Amino acid sequence: MTSAPKASSSPNSQPPSPLPVGRRERGKQDKRGRILAAAADLFAEYGYSAVTTQDIADRADVAIGTLFRYATSKPELLTMVYNTELSAGIDAGITTVTAGTDPTDQIMRLLSPLVDSSLRQRENLAVYQREILFGDPDGAFRAQAVSLIVRLESAIADVLGQLAGPGPGARLRVDVDVSLAARSIFSALHMEIIRTGLGREAAASLPGTLRAQIELLMRGITLSPPGL
């Protein structure tokens, strides 16, 4: 009896090509992209409270029922928009972080997506923060937002961890928990965004105030260079 031929193990053999995306899936991706773009444009132009889900559906050229298959509410639509922006911003911030440069500058670059959003449209960012804190605990977009914040804090902790090695300049104290320090920095940003949202400080002052708070924390977790 002839045995079945064995699969080729030639080093020149190529892996199978990925299956093409079906028409239905392409249609879903197209609708989701249009909804995301419409929501992002309208929220940026008019602000959260002035935009309705019908406005977004009309701009995206989809039925309102179709819209709610991709996001169940207006807060979810805003969370979807900000998750996309924050994810891209974290990616960009991480690529610009360079070991050996000023850690405060590195951290400010990582936080810049949220700082810039506060300067552009503070109402939208306040709603996003509220959804992260008090939104549907089972919501997919809220879970994604929380994971992005964890990723951002981890990136800040990585910057602080660079100070643990040998070299000139301020060094990290040996008893410092960099993860806790990173959470403290993000908490400072969170509270300053709330302050600007309440009108207790001008939004334009946020970058300077946040930098001063980060520098204050850095002085508390580092050792002064020898001779100072």
N, C-alpha and C. Protein backbone atom coordinates (compact mmCIF):
# COMPACT_ATOMS: atom_id res chain seq x y z
N MET A 1 0.85 -1.21 0.00
CA MET A 1 0.00 0.00 0.00
C MET A 1 0.88 1.25 0.00
N THR A 2 0.59 2.19 -0.86
CA THR A 2 1.42 3.39 -0.97
C THR A 2 1.04 4.38 0.12
N SER A 3 2.02 4.83 0.85
CA SER A 3 1.75 5.79 1.93
C SER A 3 1.54 7.18 1.35
N ALA A 4 0.83 8.01 2.13
CA ALA A 4 0.57 9.38 1.69
C ALA A 4 1.86 10.17 1.67
N PRO A 5 2.05 11.04 0.70
CA PRO A 5 3.29 11.82 0.64
C PRO A 5 3.42 12.74 1.85
N LYS A 6 4.65 12.86 2.33
CA LYS A 6 4.92 13.72 3.48
C LYS A 6 5.00 15.17 3.03
N ALA A 7 4.68 16.05 3.96
CA ALA A 7 4.78 17.48 3.67
C ALA A 7 6.23 17.84 3.44
N SER A 8 6.47 18.71 2.50
CA SER A 8 7.84 19.10 2.17
C SER A 8 8.45 19.88 3.32
N SER A 9 9.70 19.56 3.64
CA SER A 9 10.43 20.28 4.69
C SER A 9 11.52 21.13 4.07
N SER A 10 11.41 21.39 2.76
CA SER A 10 12.43 22.16 2.08
C SER A 10 12.52 23.56 2.67
N PRO A 11 13.75 24.08 2.87
CA PRO A 11 13.89 25.43 3.43
C PRO A 11 13.32 26.50 2.51
N ASN A 12 13.12 26.13 1.22
CA ASN A 12 12.59 27.12 0.29
C ASN A 12 11.06 27.15 0.26
N SER A 13 10.43 26.21 0.99
CA SER A 13 8.97 26.18 0.98
C SER A 13 8.43 27.41 1.70
N GLN A 14 7.33 27.96 1.19
CA GLN A 14 6.75 29.19 1.72
C GLN A 14 5.50 28.87 2.54
N PRO A 15 5.26 29.62 3.62
CA PRO A 15 4.02 29.41 4.39
C PRO A 15 2.83 29.79 3.55
N PRO A 16 1.70 29.19 3.83
CA PRO A 16 0.51 29.51 3.04
C PRO A 16 0.13 30.97 3.18
N SER A 17 -0.34 31.56 2.12
CA SER A 17 -0.76 32.97 2.15
C SER A 17 -2.01 33.11 3.01
N PRO A 18 -2.12 34.22 3.74
CA PRO A 18 -3.32 34.42 4.57
C PRO A 18 -4.55 34.50 3.67
N LEU A 19 -5.64 34.01 4.21
CA LEU A 19 -6.87 34.03 3.44
C LEU A 19 -7.34 35.47 3.24
N PRO A 20 -7.83 35.81 2.07
CA PRO A 20 -8.30 37.18 1.84
C PRO A 20 -9.51 37.49 2.72
N VAL A 21 -9.61 38.76 3.10
CA VAL A 21 -10.75 39.19 3.92
C VAL A 21 -12.01 39.15 3.08
N GLY A 22 -13.06 38.51 3.61
CA GLY A 22 -14.31 38.38 2.87
C GLY A 22 -15.01 39.71 2.69
N ARG A 23 -15.96 39.72 1.76
CA ARG A 23 -16.70 40.95 1.45
C ARG A 23 -17.44 41.46 2.69
N ARG A 24 -18.05 40.56 3.44
CA ARG A 24 -18.80 40.99 4.62
C ARG A 24 -17.89 41.63 5.65
N GLU A 25 -16.72 41.02 5.87
CA GLU A 25 -15.79 41.57 6.85
C GLU A 25 -15.24 42.92 6.37
N ARG A 26 -14.99 43.03 5.07
CA ARG A 26 -14.53 44.32 4.54
C ARG A 26 -15.59 45.39 4.75
N GLY A 27 -16.85 44.99 4.56
CA GLY A 27 -17.94 45.94 4.79
C GLY A 27 -18.01 46.40 6.23
N LYS A 28 -17.81 45.47 7.16
CA LYS A 28 -17.82 45.82 8.59
C LYS A 28 -16.68 46.76 8.93
N GLN A 29 -15.48 46.45 8.40
CA GLN A 29 -14.33 47.30 8.67
C GLN A 29 -14.54 48.70 8.10
N ASP A 30 -15.14 48.77 6.91
CA ASP A 30 -15.39 50.06 6.29
C ASP A 30 -16.37 50.89 7.13
N LYS A 31 -17.44 50.25 7.59
CA LYS A 31 -18.43 50.97 8.41
C LYS A 31 -17.82 51.42 9.73
N ARG A 32 -17.05 50.54 10.35
CA ARG A 32 -16.43 50.93 11.61
C ARG A 32 -15.49 52.12 11.39
N GLY A 33 -14.72 52.08 10.30
CA GLY A 33 -13.81 53.19 10.02
C GLY A 33 -14.55 54.49 9.78
N ARG A 34 -15.68 54.43 9.08
CA ARG A 34 -16.46 55.65 8.81
C ARG A 34 -17.06 56.19 10.11
N ILE A 35 -17.55 55.30 10.94
CA ILE A 35 -18.13 55.72 12.22
C ILE A 35 -17.06 56.35 13.10
N LEU A 36 -15.90 55.73 13.18
CA LEU A 36 -14.81 56.26 14.00
C LEU A 36 -14.38 57.64 13.49
N ALA A 37 -14.22 57.77 12.18
CA ALA A 37 -13.80 59.05 11.61
C ALA A 37 -14.85 60.13 11.83
N ALA A 38 -16.12 59.77 11.65
CA ALA A 38 -17.20 60.75 11.84
C ALA A 38 -17.27 61.21 13.29
N ALA A 39 -17.18 60.26 14.22
CA ALA A 39 -17.23 60.61 15.65
C ALA A 39 -16.05 61.48 16.03
N ALA A 40 -14.86 61.12 15.56
CA ALA A 40 -13.66 61.90 15.88
C ALA A 40 -13.78 63.33 15.36
N ASP A 41 -14.24 63.49 14.14
CA ASP A 41 -14.35 64.83 13.55
C ASP A 41 -15.40 65.67 14.27
N LEU A 42 -16.56 65.07 14.53
CA LEU A 42 -17.65 65.84 15.14
C LEU A 42 -17.33 66.21 16.59
N PHE A 43 -16.78 65.26 17.36
CA PHE A 43 -16.43 65.57 18.75
C PHE A 43 -15.36 66.65 18.80
N ALA A 44 -14.39 66.59 17.89
CA ALA A 44 -13.32 67.58 17.88
C ALA A 44 -13.85 68.95 17.47
N GLU A 45 -14.78 68.97 16.54
CA GLU A 45 -15.27 70.25 16.02
C GLU A 45 -16.27 70.91 16.95
N TYR A 46 -17.20 70.13 17.53
CA TYR A 46 -18.30 70.73 18.29
C TYR A 46 -18.26 70.43 19.78
N GLY A 47 -17.52 69.42 20.21
CA GLY A 47 -17.52 69.03 21.61
C GLY A 47 -18.57 67.98 21.89
N TYR A 48 -18.33 67.21 22.95
CA TYR A 48 -19.16 66.03 23.25
C TYR A 48 -20.64 66.37 23.39
N SER A 49 -20.98 67.37 24.20
CA SER A 49 -22.39 67.62 24.52
C SER A 49 -23.20 68.11 23.32
N ALA A 50 -22.54 68.72 22.34
CA ALA A 50 -23.26 69.28 21.19
C ALA A 50 -23.49 68.28 20.07
N VAL A 51 -22.94 67.08 20.20
CA VAL A 51 -23.03 66.07 19.14
C VAL A 51 -24.00 64.98 19.56
N THR A 52 -24.85 64.52 18.65
CA THR A 52 -25.76 63.41 18.91
C THR A 52 -25.31 62.18 18.14
N THR A 53 -25.81 61.04 18.57
CA THR A 53 -25.49 59.81 17.84
C THR A 53 -26.06 59.86 16.42
N GLN A 54 -27.18 60.54 16.25
CA GLN A 54 -27.75 60.68 14.90
C GLN A 54 -26.83 61.51 14.02
N ASP A 55 -26.21 62.55 14.60
CA ASP A 55 -25.24 63.34 13.84
C ASP A 55 -24.11 62.45 13.33
N ILE A 56 -23.62 61.58 14.20
CA ILE A 56 -22.51 60.71 13.83
C ILE A 56 -22.94 59.71 12.77
N ALA A 57 -24.14 59.14 12.93
CA ALA A 57 -24.64 58.19 11.94
C ALA A 57 -24.79 58.87 10.58
N ASP A 58 -25.32 60.09 10.58
CA ASP A 58 -25.50 60.82 9.32
C ASP A 58 -24.14 61.11 8.67
N ARG A 59 -23.17 61.56 9.46
CA ARG A 59 -21.85 61.87 8.90
C ARG A 59 -21.18 60.61 8.36
N ALA A 60 -21.38 59.49 9.05
CA ALA A 60 -20.77 58.23 8.62
C ALA A 60 -21.57 57.54 7.51
N ASP A 61 -22.78 58.06 7.22
CA ASP A 61 -23.66 57.49 6.19
C ASP A 61 -24.05 56.05 6.53
N VAL A 62 -24.47 55.86 7.80
CA VAL A 62 -24.98 54.56 8.22
C VAL A 62 -26.29 54.78 8.97
N ALA A 63 -27.10 53.74 9.06
CA ALA A 63 -28.33 53.82 9.84
C ALA A 63 -27.99 53.86 11.32
N ILE A 64 -28.86 54.47 12.13
CA ILE A 64 -28.59 54.58 13.56
C ILE A 64 -28.50 53.20 14.20
N GLY A 65 -29.29 52.24 13.72
CA GLY A 65 -29.20 50.88 14.25
C GLY A 65 -27.85 50.25 13.95
N THR A 66 -27.31 50.54 12.77
CA THR A 66 -25.97 50.05 12.43
C THR A 66 -24.92 50.65 13.35
N LEU A 67 -25.07 51.95 13.62
CA LEU A 67 -24.12 52.63 14.52
C LEU A 67 -24.04 51.92 15.86
N PHE A 68 -25.20 51.55 16.41
CA PHE A 68 -25.23 50.95 17.74
C PHE A 68 -24.74 49.51 17.76
N ARG A 69 -24.50 48.93 16.60
CA ARG A 69 -23.86 47.62 16.57
C ARG A 69 -22.36 47.73 16.80
N TYR A 70 -21.81 48.93 16.60
CA TYR A 70 -20.37 49.14 16.77
C TYR A 70 -20.05 49.83 18.09
N ALA A 71 -20.97 50.60 18.60
CA ALA A 71 -20.83 51.23 19.92
C ALA A 71 -22.23 51.44 20.46
N THR A 72 -22.46 51.07 21.70
CA THR A 72 -23.83 51.02 22.24
C THR A 72 -24.34 52.36 22.74
N SER A 73 -23.48 53.38 22.80
CA SER A 73 -23.90 54.67 23.35
C SER A 73 -22.94 55.76 22.89
N LYS A 74 -23.32 57.00 23.13
CA LYS A 74 -22.43 58.12 22.80
C LYS A 74 -21.14 58.09 23.63
N PRO A 75 -21.22 57.79 24.95
CA PRO A 75 -19.97 57.67 25.70
C PRO A 75 -19.04 56.59 25.13
N GLU A 76 -19.61 55.49 24.67
CA GLU A 76 -18.77 54.45 24.06
C GLU A 76 -18.12 54.94 22.78
N LEU A 77 -18.84 55.73 22.00
CA LEU A 77 -18.26 56.28 20.78
C LEU A 77 -17.07 57.18 21.10
N LEU A 78 -17.22 58.02 22.12
CA LEU A 78 -16.11 58.89 22.51
C LEU A 78 -14.94 58.06 23.02
N THR A 79 -15.24 57.03 23.80
CA THR A 79 -14.18 56.16 24.33
C THR A 79 -13.45 55.46 23.18
N MET A 80 -14.17 55.02 22.17
CA MET A 80 -13.56 54.39 21.01
C MET A 80 -12.61 55.37 20.31
N VAL A 81 -13.05 56.62 20.16
CA VAL A 81 -12.22 57.63 19.51
C VAL A 81 -10.95 57.87 20.31
N TYR A 82 -11.11 58.09 21.61
CA TYR A 82 -9.94 58.41 22.43
C TYR A 82 -9.01 57.22 22.60
N ASN A 83 -9.55 56.02 22.63
CA ASN A 83 -8.68 54.84 22.69
C ASN A 83 -7.77 54.78 21.48
N THR A 84 -8.34 55.05 20.31
CA THR A 84 -7.56 55.03 19.08
C THR A 84 -6.46 56.09 19.12
N GLU A 85 -6.82 57.30 19.55
CA GLU A 85 -5.85 58.39 19.62
C GLU A 85 -4.77 58.11 20.67
N LEU A 86 -5.19 57.61 21.83
CA LEU A 86 -4.23 57.35 22.91
C LEU A 86 -3.28 56.24 22.54
N SER A 87 -3.79 55.18 21.91
CA SER A 87 -2.93 54.07 21.49
C SER A 87 -1.86 54.55 20.52
N ALA A 88 -2.27 55.35 19.54
CA ALA A 88 -1.31 55.88 18.57
C ALA A 88 -0.31 56.82 19.26
N GLY A 89 -0.79 57.61 20.20
CA GLY A 89 0.09 58.53 20.91
C GLY A 89 1.11 57.81 21.78
N ILE A 90 0.69 56.74 22.45
CA ILE A 90 1.63 55.97 23.26
C ILE A 90 2.70 55.35 22.37
N ASP A 91 2.28 54.79 21.23
CA ASP A 91 3.25 54.22 20.29
C ASP A 91 4.27 55.27 19.86
N ALA A 92 3.77 56.47 19.51
CA ALA A 92 4.67 57.53 19.08
C ALA A 92 5.59 57.97 20.21
N GLY A 93 5.04 58.07 21.42
CA GLY A 93 5.85 58.49 22.56
C GLY A 93 6.96 57.50 22.87
N ILE A 94 6.64 56.22 22.81
CA ILE A 94 7.64 55.20 23.10
C ILE A 94 8.77 55.24 22.09
N THR A 95 8.44 55.48 20.82
CA THR A 95 9.49 55.50 19.79
C THR A 95 10.42 56.70 19.95
N THR A 96 9.97 57.76 20.62
CA THR A 96 10.81 58.94 20.78
C THR A 96 11.58 58.94 22.10
N VAL A 97 11.28 57.98 22.97
CA VAL A 97 11.99 57.90 24.25
C VAL A 97 13.40 57.38 24.01
N THR A 98 14.39 58.12 24.46
CA THR A 98 15.78 57.76 24.25
C THR A 98 16.50 57.70 25.58
N ALA A 99 17.11 56.55 25.86
CA ALA A 99 17.85 56.39 27.11
C ALA A 99 18.95 57.44 27.21
N GLY A 100 19.13 58.00 28.40
CA GLY A 100 20.18 58.99 28.61
C GLY A 100 19.70 60.42 28.49
N THR A 101 18.52 60.63 27.92
CA THR A 101 17.98 61.99 27.85
C THR A 101 17.21 62.30 29.13
N ASP A 102 16.86 63.55 29.29
CA ASP A 102 16.20 63.98 30.52
C ASP A 102 14.92 63.18 30.75
N PRO A 103 14.77 62.50 31.90
CA PRO A 103 13.59 61.66 32.12
C PRO A 103 12.29 62.44 32.14
N THR A 104 12.32 63.68 32.62
CA THR A 104 11.09 64.47 32.62
C THR A 104 10.63 64.73 31.20
N ASP A 105 11.57 65.04 30.30
CA ASP A 105 11.21 65.24 28.89
C ASP A 105 10.61 63.96 28.31
N GLN A 106 11.20 62.81 28.64
CA GLN A 106 10.69 61.55 28.12
C GLN A 106 9.25 61.30 28.60
N ILE A 107 9.02 61.55 29.88
CA ILE A 107 7.69 61.31 30.46
C ILE A 107 6.67 62.27 29.86
N MET A 108 7.06 63.52 29.66
CA MET A 108 6.15 64.49 29.05
C MET A 108 5.77 64.06 27.63
N ARG A 109 6.71 63.46 26.91
CA ARG A 109 6.38 62.97 25.57
C ARG A 109 5.37 61.83 25.65
N LEU A 110 5.51 60.98 26.64
CA LEU A 110 4.57 59.88 26.80
C LEU A 110 3.17 60.38 27.17
N LEU A 111 3.11 61.45 27.94
CA LEU A 111 1.82 61.98 28.39
C LEU A 111 1.21 62.96 27.40
N SER A 112 1.97 63.31 26.37
CA SER A 112 1.52 64.37 25.46
C SER A 112 0.17 64.10 24.79
N PRO A 113 -0.21 62.83 24.46
CA PRO A 113 -1.53 62.65 23.84
C PRO A 113 -2.67 63.17 24.71
N LEU A 114 -2.60 62.90 26.02
CA LEU A 114 -3.66 63.36 26.92
C LEU A 114 -3.54 64.85 27.20
N VAL A 115 -2.31 65.35 27.30
CA VAL A 115 -2.13 66.79 27.51
C VAL A 115 -2.65 67.56 26.31
N ASP A 116 -2.28 67.11 25.11
CA ASP A 116 -2.74 67.80 23.89
C ASP A 116 -4.25 67.75 23.77
N SER A 117 -4.86 66.62 24.14
CA SER A 117 -6.31 66.51 24.07
C SER A 117 -6.98 67.50 25.01
N SER A 118 -6.39 67.68 26.18
CA SER A 118 -6.96 68.63 27.14
C SER A 118 -6.90 70.05 26.60
N LEU A 119 -5.83 70.37 25.88
CA LEU A 119 -5.71 71.71 25.31
C LEU A 119 -6.70 71.93 24.17
N ARG A 120 -6.96 70.86 23.39
CA ARG A 120 -7.86 71.00 22.25
C ARG A 120 -9.32 71.04 22.67
N GLN A 121 -9.73 70.10 23.52
CA GLN A 121 -11.16 69.96 23.84
C GLN A 121 -11.28 69.31 25.22
N ARG A 122 -11.28 70.14 26.24
CA ARG A 122 -11.20 69.60 27.59
C ARG A 122 -12.48 68.86 27.99
N GLU A 123 -13.63 69.26 27.43
CA GLU A 123 -14.87 68.56 27.76
C GLU A 123 -14.78 67.10 27.33
N ASN A 124 -14.28 66.85 26.12
CA ASN A 124 -14.18 65.49 25.62
C ASN A 124 -13.30 64.62 26.51
N LEU A 125 -12.17 65.18 26.92
CA LEU A 125 -11.25 64.40 27.75
C LEU A 125 -11.85 64.13 29.13
N ALA A 126 -12.62 65.09 29.65
CA ALA A 126 -13.28 64.89 30.94
C ALA A 126 -14.27 63.73 30.86
N VAL A 127 -15.01 63.64 29.75
CA VAL A 127 -15.95 62.53 29.57
C VAL A 127 -15.18 61.21 29.47
N TYR A 128 -14.07 61.23 28.76
CA TYR A 128 -13.25 60.01 28.63
C TYR A 128 -12.77 59.54 30.00
N GLN A 129 -12.29 60.47 30.80
CA GLN A 129 -11.85 60.11 32.15
C GLN A 129 -13.00 59.52 32.96
N ARG A 130 -14.17 60.13 32.83
CA ARG A 130 -15.32 59.63 33.58
C ARG A 130 -15.69 58.22 33.16
N GLU A 131 -15.60 57.94 31.87
CA GLU A 131 -15.91 56.60 31.39
C GLU A 131 -14.90 55.58 31.90
N ILE A 132 -13.63 55.97 31.97
CA ILE A 132 -12.61 55.06 32.50
C ILE A 132 -12.91 54.72 33.96
N LEU A 133 -13.33 55.74 34.72
CA LEU A 133 -13.56 55.54 36.14
C LEU A 133 -14.91 54.88 36.44
N PHE A 134 -15.96 55.31 35.74
CA PHE A 134 -17.31 54.92 36.13
C PHE A 134 -18.12 54.26 35.01
N GLY A 135 -17.51 53.99 33.88
CA GLY A 135 -18.24 53.40 32.77
C GLY A 135 -18.63 51.95 33.03
N ASP A 136 -19.32 51.37 32.06
CA ASP A 136 -19.76 49.98 32.15
C ASP A 136 -18.56 49.06 32.40
N PRO A 137 -18.52 48.38 33.56
CA PRO A 137 -17.36 47.53 33.86
C PRO A 137 -17.18 46.39 32.87
N ASP A 138 -18.25 46.05 32.15
CA ASP A 138 -18.16 44.97 31.17
C ASP A 138 -18.00 45.50 29.74
N GLY A 139 -17.90 46.81 29.60
CA GLY A 139 -17.78 47.39 28.27
C GLY A 139 -16.42 47.12 27.66
N ALA A 140 -16.41 46.74 26.39
CA ALA A 140 -15.14 46.41 25.72
C ALA A 140 -14.26 47.63 25.58
N PHE A 141 -14.85 48.78 25.27
CA PHE A 141 -14.04 49.98 25.06
C PHE A 141 -13.46 50.49 26.38
N ARG A 142 -14.21 50.36 27.46
CA ARG A 142 -13.67 50.75 28.76
C ARG A 142 -12.51 49.85 29.14
N ALA A 143 -12.65 48.55 28.93
CA ALA A 143 -11.57 47.61 29.24
C ALA A 143 -10.33 47.95 28.41
N GLN A 144 -10.53 48.33 27.16
CA GLN A 144 -9.40 48.71 26.32
C GLN A 144 -8.75 49.98 26.86
N ALA A 145 -9.56 50.93 27.30
CA ALA A 145 -9.02 52.18 27.85
C ALA A 145 -8.17 51.91 29.09
N VAL A 146 -8.67 51.05 29.97
CA VAL A 146 -7.92 50.71 31.18
C VAL A 146 -6.59 50.05 30.82
N SER A 147 -6.60 49.17 29.83
CA SER A 147 -5.36 48.50 29.42
C SER A 147 -4.37 49.50 28.83
N LEU A 148 -4.88 50.53 28.15
CA LEU A 148 -4.00 51.56 27.61
C LEU A 148 -3.35 52.37 28.72
N ILE A 149 -4.12 52.69 29.77
CA ILE A 149 -3.56 53.42 30.91
C ILE A 149 -2.47 52.58 31.58
N VAL A 150 -2.72 51.28 31.72
CA VAL A 150 -1.72 50.38 32.30
C VAL A 150 -0.45 50.39 31.44
N ARG A 151 -0.64 50.37 30.13
CA ARG A 151 0.51 50.40 29.22
C ARG A 151 1.28 51.71 29.35
N LEU A 152 0.54 52.81 29.47
CA LEU A 152 1.18 54.12 29.62
C LEU A 152 1.98 54.18 30.92
N GLU A 153 1.39 53.71 32.01
CA GLU A 153 2.10 53.70 33.29
C GLU A 153 3.34 52.81 33.21
N SER A 154 3.24 51.69 32.51
CA SER A 154 4.38 50.80 32.35
C SER A 154 5.51 51.48 31.58
N ALA A 155 5.15 52.26 30.55
CA ALA A 155 6.17 52.98 29.78
C ALA A 155 6.85 54.04 30.64
N ILE A 156 6.08 54.71 31.51
CA ILE A 156 6.68 55.69 32.43
C ILE A 156 7.62 54.98 33.41
N ALA A 157 7.18 53.82 33.92
CA ALA A 157 8.03 53.05 34.83
C ALA A 157 9.34 52.64 34.15
N ASP A 158 9.28 52.31 32.87
CA ASP A 158 10.49 51.95 32.13
C ASP A 158 11.47 53.14 32.08
N VAL A 159 10.93 54.34 31.89
CA VAL A 159 11.78 55.53 31.88
C VAL A 159 12.46 55.71 33.23
N LEU A 160 11.69 55.57 34.30
CA LEU A 160 12.26 55.71 35.64
C LEU A 160 13.28 54.62 35.92
N GLY A 161 13.02 53.42 35.40
CA GLY A 161 13.94 52.31 35.62
C GLY A 161 15.30 52.54 35.01
N GLN A 162 15.38 53.40 33.99
CA GLN A 162 16.67 53.70 33.38
C GLN A 162 17.62 54.37 34.37
N LEU A 163 17.05 55.03 35.39
CA LEU A 163 17.88 55.74 36.37
C LEU A 163 18.49 54.80 37.40
N ALA A 164 18.14 53.52 37.33
CA ALA A 164 18.65 52.58 38.33
C ALA A 164 20.06 52.12 38.01
N GLY A 165 20.52 52.30 36.77
CA GLY A 165 21.84 51.82 36.37
C GLY A 165 22.95 52.79 36.72
N PRO A 166 24.20 52.37 36.52
CA PRO A 166 25.34 53.25 36.80
C PRO A 166 25.44 54.36 35.77
N GLY A 167 26.07 55.45 36.14
CA GLY A 167 26.25 56.54 35.20
C GLY A 167 26.19 57.88 35.91
N PRO A 168 26.53 58.94 35.20
CA PRO A 168 26.52 60.28 35.81
C PRO A 168 25.09 60.77 36.00
N GLY A 169 24.96 61.82 36.79
CA GLY A 169 23.64 62.42 36.99
C GLY A 169 22.89 61.82 38.15
N ALA A 170 21.66 62.29 38.33
CA ALA A 170 20.83 61.80 39.43
C ALA A 170 20.53 60.32 39.25
N ARG A 171 20.55 59.59 40.36
CA ARG A 171 20.29 58.14 40.33
C ARG A 171 19.06 57.83 41.17
N LEU A 172 18.36 56.78 40.76
CA LEU A 172 17.17 56.35 41.47
C LEU A 172 17.53 55.80 42.85
N ARG A 173 16.77 56.18 43.87
CA ARG A 173 16.98 55.60 45.19
C ARG A 173 16.63 54.12 45.15
N VAL A 174 17.34 53.32 45.93
CA VAL A 174 17.18 51.86 45.86
C VAL A 174 15.83 51.40 46.40
N ASP A 175 15.18 52.21 47.21
CA ASP A 175 13.91 51.80 47.81
C ASP A 175 12.69 52.24 46.99
N VAL A 176 12.91 52.78 45.80
CA VAL A 176 11.81 53.31 45.00
C VAL A 176 11.14 52.21 44.18
N ASP A 177 9.83 52.16 44.24
CA ASP A 177 9.02 51.27 43.40
C ASP A 177 8.64 52.08 42.16
N VAL A 178 9.26 51.76 41.03
CA VAL A 178 9.03 52.58 39.83
C VAL A 178 7.59 52.48 39.34
N SER A 179 6.94 51.34 39.55
CA SER A 179 5.54 51.20 39.13
C SER A 179 4.64 52.14 39.94
N LEU A 180 4.90 52.22 41.24
CA LEU A 180 4.12 53.12 42.09
C LEU A 180 4.40 54.58 41.72
N ALA A 181 5.66 54.89 41.44
CA ALA A 181 6.01 56.26 41.04
C ALA A 181 5.32 56.62 39.73
N ALA A 182 5.26 55.66 38.80
CA ALA A 182 4.58 55.91 37.51
C ALA A 182 3.10 56.17 37.72
N ARG A 183 2.48 55.41 38.63
CA ARG A 183 1.07 55.64 38.94
C ARG A 183 0.87 57.02 39.54
N SER A 184 1.80 57.47 40.36
CA SER A 184 1.70 58.79 40.97
C SER A 184 1.75 59.88 39.90
N ILE A 185 2.61 59.68 38.91
CA ILE A 185 2.72 60.66 37.83
C ILE A 185 1.43 60.71 37.02
N PHE A 186 0.87 59.55 36.70
CA PHE A 186 -0.38 59.55 35.94
C PHE A 186 -1.50 60.15 36.78
N SER A 187 -1.51 59.88 38.08
CA SER A 187 -2.53 60.45 38.95
C SER A 187 -2.44 61.97 38.97
N ALA A 188 -1.20 62.50 38.94
CA ALA A 188 -1.03 63.96 38.90
C ALA A 188 -1.65 64.53 37.63
N LEU A 189 -1.42 63.85 36.50
CA LEU A 189 -2.02 64.30 35.25
C LEU A 189 -3.55 64.26 35.35
N HIS A 190 -4.06 63.17 35.88
CA HIS A 190 -5.51 63.01 36.00
C HIS A 190 -6.11 64.15 36.81
N MET A 191 -5.51 64.48 37.94
CA MET A 191 -6.05 65.53 38.80
C MET A 191 -5.92 66.90 38.15
N GLU A 192 -4.83 67.14 37.43
CA GLU A 192 -4.67 68.45 36.78
C GLU A 192 -5.67 68.63 35.65
N ILE A 193 -5.99 67.55 34.95
CA ILE A 193 -7.01 67.64 33.91
C ILE A 193 -8.37 67.97 34.53
N ILE A 194 -8.66 67.38 35.69
CA ILE A 194 -9.90 67.70 36.40
C ILE A 194 -9.91 69.17 36.80
N ARG A 195 -8.79 69.67 37.29
CA ARG A 195 -8.70 71.07 37.71
C ARG A 195 -9.00 72.01 36.54
N THR A 196 -8.41 71.71 35.38
CA THR A 196 -8.66 72.57 34.22
C THR A 196 -10.11 72.44 33.76
N GLY A 197 -10.66 71.21 33.87
CA GLY A 197 -12.05 71.00 33.48
C GLY A 197 -13.01 71.77 34.35
N LEU A 198 -12.66 71.97 35.61
CA LEU A 198 -13.50 72.72 36.54
C LEU A 198 -13.25 74.23 36.46
N GLY A 199 -12.31 74.61 35.62
CA GLY A 199 -12.01 76.03 35.47
C GLY A 199 -11.14 76.59 36.57
N ARG A 200 -10.51 75.72 37.37
CA ARG A 200 -9.66 76.20 38.46
C ARG A 200 -8.28 76.60 37.94
N GLU A 201 -7.96 76.22 36.72
CA GLU A 201 -6.70 76.61 36.10
C GLU A 201 -6.89 76.61 34.60
N ALA A 202 -6.24 77.53 33.93
CA ALA A 202 -6.35 77.60 32.47
C ALA A 202 -5.72 76.35 31.85
N ALA A 203 -6.38 75.83 30.82
CA ALA A 203 -5.86 74.63 30.16
C ALA A 203 -4.45 74.86 29.63
N ALA A 204 -4.16 76.08 29.18
CA ALA A 204 -2.83 76.37 28.63
C ALA A 204 -1.73 76.22 29.68
N SER A 205 -2.10 76.28 30.97
CA SER A 205 -1.10 76.15 32.03
C SER A 205 -0.79 74.69 32.35
N LEU A 206 -1.58 73.75 31.81
CA LEU A 206 -1.43 72.35 32.16
C LEU A 206 -0.04 71.80 31.90
N PRO A 207 0.56 72.01 30.72
CA PRO A 207 1.89 71.42 30.49
C PRO A 207 2.93 71.89 31.51
N GLY A 208 2.95 73.19 31.81
CA GLY A 208 3.93 73.71 32.77
C GLY A 208 3.69 73.20 34.18
N THR A 209 2.42 73.16 34.59
CA THR A 209 2.10 72.66 35.93
C THR A 209 2.46 71.18 36.06
N LEU A 210 2.14 70.40 35.03
CA LEU A 210 2.45 68.97 35.08
C LEU A 210 3.96 68.73 35.11
N ARG A 211 4.70 69.47 34.31
CA ARG A 211 6.16 69.32 34.32
C ARG A 211 6.72 69.64 35.70
N ALA A 212 6.21 70.69 36.33
CA ALA A 212 6.70 71.05 37.67
C ALA A 212 6.41 69.93 38.67
N GLN A 213 5.25 69.29 38.57
CA GLN A 213 4.92 68.20 39.48
C GLN A 213 5.82 66.98 39.23
N ILE A 214 6.09 66.68 37.97
CA ILE A 214 6.98 65.55 37.66
C ILE A 214 8.38 65.82 38.18
N GLU A 215 8.86 67.05 38.00
CA GLU A 215 10.20 67.39 38.49
C GLU A 215 10.26 67.31 40.01
N LEU A 216 9.19 67.70 40.67
CA LEU A 216 9.14 67.60 42.13
C LEU A 216 9.22 66.14 42.56
N LEU A 217 8.46 65.27 41.89
CA LEU A 217 8.50 63.85 42.22
C LEU A 217 9.89 63.27 41.93
N MET A 218 10.51 63.70 40.84
CA MET A 218 11.83 63.19 40.49
C MET A 218 12.86 63.53 41.57
N ARG A 219 12.74 64.72 42.14
CA ARG A 219 13.67 65.09 43.22
C ARG A 219 13.46 64.20 44.44
N GLY A 220 12.26 63.70 44.64
CA GLY A 220 11.99 62.86 45.79
C GLY A 220 12.44 61.42 45.61
N ILE A 221 12.56 60.94 44.38
CA ILE A 221 12.90 59.52 44.18
C ILE A 221 14.33 59.30 43.68
N THR A 222 15.09 60.41 43.52
CA THR A 222 16.47 60.27 43.04
C THR A 222 17.46 60.79 44.06
N LEU A 223 18.67 60.32 43.90
CA LEU A 223 19.79 60.80 44.72
C LEU A 223 20.50 61.89 43.96
N SER A 224 20.96 62.92 44.66
CA SER A 224 21.69 64.00 44.00
C SER A 224 23.03 63.48 43.52
N PRO A 225 23.50 63.97 42.37
CA PRO A 225 24.84 63.59 41.90
C PRO A 225 25.90 63.94 42.93
N PRO A 226 26.99 63.20 42.98
CA PRO A 226 28.07 63.49 43.94
C PRO A 226 28.55 64.92 43.78
N GLY A 227 28.82 65.56 44.90
CA GLY A 227 29.37 66.92 44.87
C GLY A 227 28.31 67.99 44.93
N LEU A 228 27.00 67.59 44.87
CA LEU A 228 25.93 68.59 44.94
C LEU A 228 25.28 68.58 46.31
